[in-house]
C-alpha atoms as a PDB file:
ATOM      1  CA  MET A   1      55.072  96.408 118.669  1.00  0.00           C
ATOM      2  CA  ASP A   2      56.168  95.179 115.375  1.00  0.00           C
ATOM      3  CA  SER A   3      52.797  95.524 113.034  1.00  0.00           C
ATOM      4  CA  ARG A   4      53.224  94.223 109.805  1.00  0.00           C
ATOM      5  CA  VAL A   5      50.631  94.022 106.713  1.00  0.00           C
ATOM      6  CA  ALA A   6      51.057  92.844 102.867  1.00  0.00           C
ATOM      7  CA  ILE A   7      48.732  94.187 100.499  1.00  0.00           C
ATOM      8  CA  LEU A   8      48.333  92.460  97.538  1.00  0.00           C
ATOM      9  CA  GLY A   9      47.567  94.548  94.486  1.00  0.00           C
ATOM     10  CA  GLY A  10      49.142  98.455  93.729  1.00  0.00           C
ATOM     11  CA  GLY A  11      45.701  99.806  91.970  1.00  0.00           C
ATOM     12  CA  MET A  12      44.346 102.805  93.503  1.00  0.00           C
ATOM     13  CA  VAL A  13      42.764 100.586  96.584  1.00  0.00           C
ATOM     14  CA  GLY A  14      45.726  98.879  97.430  1.00  0.00           C
ATOM     15  CA  LEU A  15      48.065 102.029  97.021  1.00  0.00           C
ATOM     16  CA  VAL A  16      45.431 103.757  99.407  1.00  0.00           C
ATOM     17  CA  ALA A  17      45.314 100.970 102.303  1.00  0.00           C
ATOM     18  CA  ALA A  18      49.212 101.190 101.764  1.00  0.00           C
ATOM     19  CA  LEU A  19      49.310 104.808 102.743  1.00  0.00           C
ATOM     20  CA  VAL A  20      46.864 104.440 105.548  1.00  0.00           C
ATOM     21  CA  PHE A  21      48.813 101.409 107.230  1.00  0.00           C
ATOM     22  CA  SER A  22      51.777 103.423 106.933  1.00  0.00           C
ATOM     23  CA  LYS A  23      50.752 106.576 108.469  1.00  0.00           C
ATOM     24  CA  LEU A  24      49.075 104.259 111.598  1.00  0.00           C
ATOM     25  CA  GLY A  25      52.964 103.146 111.787  1.00  0.00           C
ATOM     26  CA  TRP A  26      52.793  99.869 110.376  1.00  0.00           C
ATOM     27  CA  ARG A  27      55.638  98.135 107.970  1.00  0.00           C
ATOM     28  CA  VAL A  28      53.634  97.672 104.662  1.00  0.00           C
ATOM     29  CA  ARG A  29      54.547  95.473 101.845  1.00  0.00           C
ATOM     30  CA  LEU A  30      52.976  95.983  98.693  1.00  0.00           C
ATOM     31  CA  VAL A  31      52.842  93.082  96.115  1.00  0.00           C
ATOM     32  CA  GLU A  32      51.711  94.458  92.226  1.00  0.00           C
ATOM     33  CA  GLU A  33      52.072  91.316  89.958  1.00  0.00           C
ATOM     34  CA  ARG A  34      53.047  93.792  86.876  1.00  0.00           C
ATOM     35  CA  PRO A  35      56.592  95.354  87.217  1.00  0.00           C
ATOM     36  CA  ILE A  36      56.596  99.255  86.340  1.00  0.00           C
ATOM     37  CA  ASN A  37      59.208 100.298  84.019  1.00  0.00           C
ATOM     38  CA  MET A  38      59.421 104.199  84.019  1.00  0.00           C
ATOM     39  CA  GLN A  39      61.498 103.849  80.799  1.00  0.00           C
ATOM     40  CA  ASP A  40      58.768 102.625  78.765  1.00  0.00           C
ATOM     41  CA  ALA A  41      56.080 105.187  79.437  1.00  0.00           C
ATOM     42  CA  GLY A  42      53.790 103.732  76.949  1.00  0.00           C
ATOM     43  CA  ALA A  43      53.579 100.551  78.757  1.00  0.00           C
ATOM     44  CA  LEU A  44      51.679 102.663  81.882  1.00  0.00           C
ATOM     45  CA  ASP A  45      47.591 101.903  81.752  1.00  0.00           C
ATOM     46  CA  ALA A  46      46.960 106.208  81.215  1.00  0.00           C
ATOM     47  CA  ARG A  47      42.879 105.463  81.405  1.00  0.00           C
ATOM     48  CA  GLY A  48      41.516 108.749  83.870  1.00  0.00           C
ATOM     49  CA  ILE A  49      40.016 107.846  87.135  1.00  0.00           C
ATOM     50  CA  ALA A  50      36.718 109.779  87.989  1.00  0.00           C
ATOM     51  CA  LEU A  51      36.991 110.662  91.990  1.00  0.00           C
ATOM     52  CA  SER A  52      33.623 111.870  94.000  1.00  0.00           C
ATOM     53  CA  LEU A  53      34.284 114.786  96.131  1.00  0.00           C
ATOM     54  CA  SER A  54      34.398 112.897  99.440  1.00  0.00           C
ATOM     55  CA  SER A  55      36.921 110.462  98.086  1.00  0.00           C
ATOM     56  CA  ILE A  56      39.069 113.513  96.901  1.00  0.00           C
ATOM     57  CA  HIS A  57      38.485 114.689 100.711  1.00  0.00           C
ATOM     58  CA  MET A  58      39.444 111.475 102.026  1.00  0.00           C
ATOM     59  CA  LEU A  59      42.764 111.223  99.776  1.00  0.00           C
ATOM     60  CA  GLN A  60      43.639 114.872 100.991  1.00  0.00           C
ATOM     61  CA  SER A  61      43.354 114.243 104.462  1.00  0.00           C
ATOM     62  CA  LEU A  62      45.920 111.330 104.019  1.00  0.00           C
ATOM     63  CA  GLY A  63      48.566 113.792 102.876  1.00  0.00           C
ATOM     64  CA  PHE A  64      47.877 112.981  99.041  1.00  0.00           C
ATOM     65  CA  ASP A  65      46.146 115.850  96.576  1.00  0.00           C
ATOM     66  CA  PRO A  66      44.909 113.915  93.938  1.00  0.00           C
ATOM     67  CA  LEU A  67      44.262 117.437  92.143  1.00  0.00           C
ATOM     68  CA  ALA A  68      47.890 118.093  92.177  1.00  0.00           C
ATOM     69  CA  VAL A  69      48.595 115.173  89.999  1.00  0.00           C
END
């Protein structure tokens, strides 16, 4: 079975959803309105994000360690 999903938005929720579907074997297309230009680091949004302990554990269970970033 060829399962596919499109996720609109590359924020925290969209990225986690893409990671979960990918780990379940789905083909994922992530669509973000704004392109990320890594050459222009000043254009990136550098706000901090506070995560609860349960959110940290959930992300770690998916193979992403937010404490290592």
